[in-house]
Amino acid sequence: MATMDTYRQQAIALAHRFRLGLNTEAALDMVELLGALAGDFAPAEPQQQQTLNAIMTLILQCQERQDWLGLADYLEYELVQLLAAKA
């Protein structure tokens, strides 16, 4: 189990990679990050779980639309804010 600070750093690094056009490799790492977060948020408060699920849904919708900048924004701002609140 990684710390929330580690997850924040990973999310920011992924966002930068999406902005640089490294979509394929960033998407693979994003799946790992989101999977780890889902596991670590399982014992969290229901409100935090719902917020994480909402952010994940928005991230996946951006991925389906190939909206890499929108996806990067959700990773770098919305997800990082949630992780900071959980820390």
C-alpha atoms as a PDB file:
ATOM      1  CA  MET A   1       0.000   0.000   0.000  1.00  0.00           C
ATOM      2  CA  ALA A   2       1.517   3.281  -1.117  1.00  0.00           C
ATOM      3  CA  THR A   3       1.072   6.520   0.750  1.00  0.00           C
ATOM      4  CA  MET A   4      -1.324   9.206  -0.445  1.00  0.00           C
ATOM      5  CA  ASP A   5       1.713  11.399  -1.171  1.00  0.00           C
ATOM      6  CA  THR A   6       3.090   8.723  -3.500  1.00  0.00           C
ATOM      7  CA  TYR A   7      -0.265   8.480  -5.252  1.00  0.00           C
ATOM      8  CA  ARG A   8      -0.372  12.278  -5.639  1.00  0.00           C
ATOM      9  CA  GLN A   9       3.087  12.269  -7.209  1.00  0.00           C
ATOM     10  CA  GLN A  10       2.095   9.465  -9.574  1.00  0.00           C
ATOM     11  CA  ALA A  11      -1.109  11.256 -10.604  1.00  0.00           C
ATOM     12  CA  ILE A  12       0.769  14.479 -11.362  1.00  0.00           C
ATOM     13  CA  ALA A  13       3.450  12.613 -13.334  1.00  0.00           C
ATOM     14  CA  LEU A  14       0.743  10.814 -15.337  1.00  0.00           C
ATOM     15  CA  ALA A  15      -1.019  14.097 -16.064  1.00  0.00           C
ATOM     16  CA  HIS A  16       2.207  15.539 -17.434  1.00  0.00           C
ATOM     17  CA  ARG A  17       2.738  12.481 -19.630  1.00  0.00           C
ATOM     18  CA  PHE A  18      -0.778  12.774 -21.066  1.00  0.00           C
ATOM     19  CA  ARG A  19      -0.129  16.448 -21.818  1.00  0.00           C
ATOM     20  CA  LEU A  20       3.100  15.499 -23.603  1.00  0.00           C
ATOM     21  CA  GLY A  21       1.207  13.083 -25.865  1.00  0.00           C
ATOM     22  CA  LEU A  22       2.519   9.894 -24.264  1.00  0.00           C
ATOM     23  CA  ASN A  23      -1.017   8.531 -24.145  1.00  0.00           C
ATOM     24  CA  THR A  24      -0.422   4.805 -24.587  1.00  0.00           C
ATOM     25  CA  GLU A  25       2.158   4.285 -21.879  1.00  0.00           C
ATOM     26  CA  ALA A  26       0.451   6.764 -19.550  1.00  0.00           C
ATOM     27  CA  ALA A  27      -2.866   4.927 -19.970  1.00  0.00           C
ATOM     28  CA  LEU A  28      -1.279   1.638 -18.914  1.00  0.00           C
ATOM     29  CA  ASP A  29       0.195   3.208 -15.785  1.00  0.00           C
ATOM     30  CA  MET A  30      -3.092   4.987 -15.081  1.00  0.00           C
ATOM     31  CA  VAL A  31      -4.922   1.648 -14.922  1.00  0.00           C
ATOM     32  CA  GLU A  32      -2.454   0.465 -12.270  1.00  0.00           C
ATOM     33  CA  LEU A  33      -2.843   3.683 -10.275  1.00  0.00           C
ATOM     34  CA  LEU A  34      -6.641   3.634 -10.360  1.00  0.00           C
ATOM     35  CA  GLY A  35      -6.714  -0.036  -9.386  1.00  0.00           C
ATOM     36  CA  ALA A  36      -4.443   0.589  -6.415  1.00  0.00           C
ATOM     37  CA  LEU A  37      -6.522   3.572  -5.346  1.00  0.00           C
ATOM     38  CA  ALA A  38      -9.740   1.578  -5.535  1.00  0.00           C
ATOM     39  CA  GLY A  39      -8.249  -0.971  -3.158  1.00  0.00           C
ATOM     40  CA  ASP A  40      -6.876   1.608  -0.742  1.00  0.00           C
ATOM     41  CA  PHE A  41     -10.145   3.554  -0.690  1.00  0.00           C
ATOM     42  CA  ALA A  42     -12.225   0.452   0.131  1.00  0.00           C
ATOM     43  CA  PRO A  43     -12.067   1.119   3.901  1.00  0.00           C
ATOM     44  CA  ALA A  44     -12.513   4.889   3.423  1.00  0.00           C
ATOM     45  CA  GLU A  45     -15.588   6.871   4.347  1.00  0.00           C
ATOM     46  CA  PRO A  46     -18.516   6.433   1.922  1.00  0.00           C
ATOM     47  CA  GLN A  47     -18.305  10.084   0.808  1.00  0.00           C
ATOM     48  CA  GLN A  48     -14.644   9.659  -0.164  1.00  0.00           C
ATOM     49  CA  GLN A  49     -15.441   6.430  -2.005  1.00  0.00           C
ATOM     50  CA  GLN A  50     -18.240   8.148  -3.931  1.00  0.00           C
ATOM     51  CA  THR A  51     -15.974  11.053  -4.831  1.00  0.00           C
ATOM     52  CA  LEU A  52     -13.252   8.683  -6.046  1.00  0.00           C
ATOM     53  CA  ASN A  53     -15.794   6.734  -8.116  1.00  0.00           C
ATOM     54  CA  ALA A  54     -17.088   9.964  -9.671  1.00  0.00           C
ATOM     55  CA  ILE A  55     -13.561  11.118 -10.557  1.00  0.00           C
ATOM     56  CA  MET A  56     -12.690   7.700 -11.993  1.00  0.00           C
ATOM     57  CA  THR A  57     -15.839   7.773 -14.118  1.00  0.00           C
ATOM     58  CA  LEU A  58     -14.937  11.203 -15.481  1.00  0.00           C
ATOM     59  CA  ILE A  59     -11.364  10.078 -16.186  1.00  0.00           C
ATOM     60  CA  LEU A  60     -12.575   7.024 -18.095  1.00  0.00           C
ATOM     61  CA  GLN A  61     -15.066   9.134 -20.070  1.00  0.00           C
ATOM     62  CA  CYS A  62     -12.217  11.438 -21.086  1.00  0.00           C
ATOM     63  CA  GLN A  63     -10.176   8.414 -22.132  1.00  0.00           C
ATOM     64  CA  GLU A  64     -13.038   7.101 -24.283  1.00  0.00           C
ATOM     65  CA  ARG A  65     -13.309  10.502 -26.004  1.00  0.00           C
ATOM     66  CA  GLN A  66      -9.516  10.709 -26.290  1.00  0.00           C
ATOM     67  CA  ASP A  67      -9.695  13.983 -24.371  1.00  0.00           C
ATOM     68  CA  TRP A  68      -6.165  13.736 -23.010  1.00  0.00           C
ATOM     69  CA  LEU A  69      -6.037  17.272 -21.655  1.00  0.00           C
ATOM     70  CA  GLY A  70      -9.306  16.841 -19.769  1.00  0.00           C
ATOM     71  CA  LEU A  71      -8.063  13.528 -18.413  1.00  0.00           C
ATOM     72  CA  ALA A  72      -4.819  15.175 -17.299  1.00  0.00           C
ATOM     73  CA  ASP A  73      -6.778  17.907 -15.525  1.00  0.00           C
ATOM     74  CA  TYR A  74      -8.839  15.360 -13.585  1.00  0.00           C
ATOM     75  CA  LEU A  75      -5.682  13.511 -12.573  1.00  0.00           C
ATOM     76  CA  GLU A  76      -3.708  16.583 -11.580  1.00  0.00           C
ATOM     77  CA  TYR A  77      -6.398  18.633  -9.889  1.00  0.00           C
ATOM     78  CA  GLU A  78      -9.491  16.667  -8.865  1.00  0.00           C
ATOM     79  CA  LEU A  79      -7.767  13.415  -7.934  1.00  0.00           C
ATOM     80  CA  VAL A  80      -4.833  15.140  -6.226  1.00  0.00           C
ATOM     81  CA  GLN A  81      -7.257  17.249  -4.181  1.00  0.00           C
ATOM     82  CA  LEU A  82      -9.102  14.115  -3.033  1.00  0.00           C
ATOM     83  CA  LEU A  83      -5.831  12.403  -2.127  1.00  0.00           C
ATOM     84  CA  ALA A  84      -4.710  15.439  -0.139  1.00  0.00           C
ATOM     85  CA  ALA A  85      -7.985  15.394   1.797  1.00  0.00           C
ATOM     86  CA  LYS A  86      -7.583  11.690   2.595  1.00  0.00           C
ATOM     87  CA  ALA A  87      -3.961  12.016   3.774  1.00  0.00           C
END
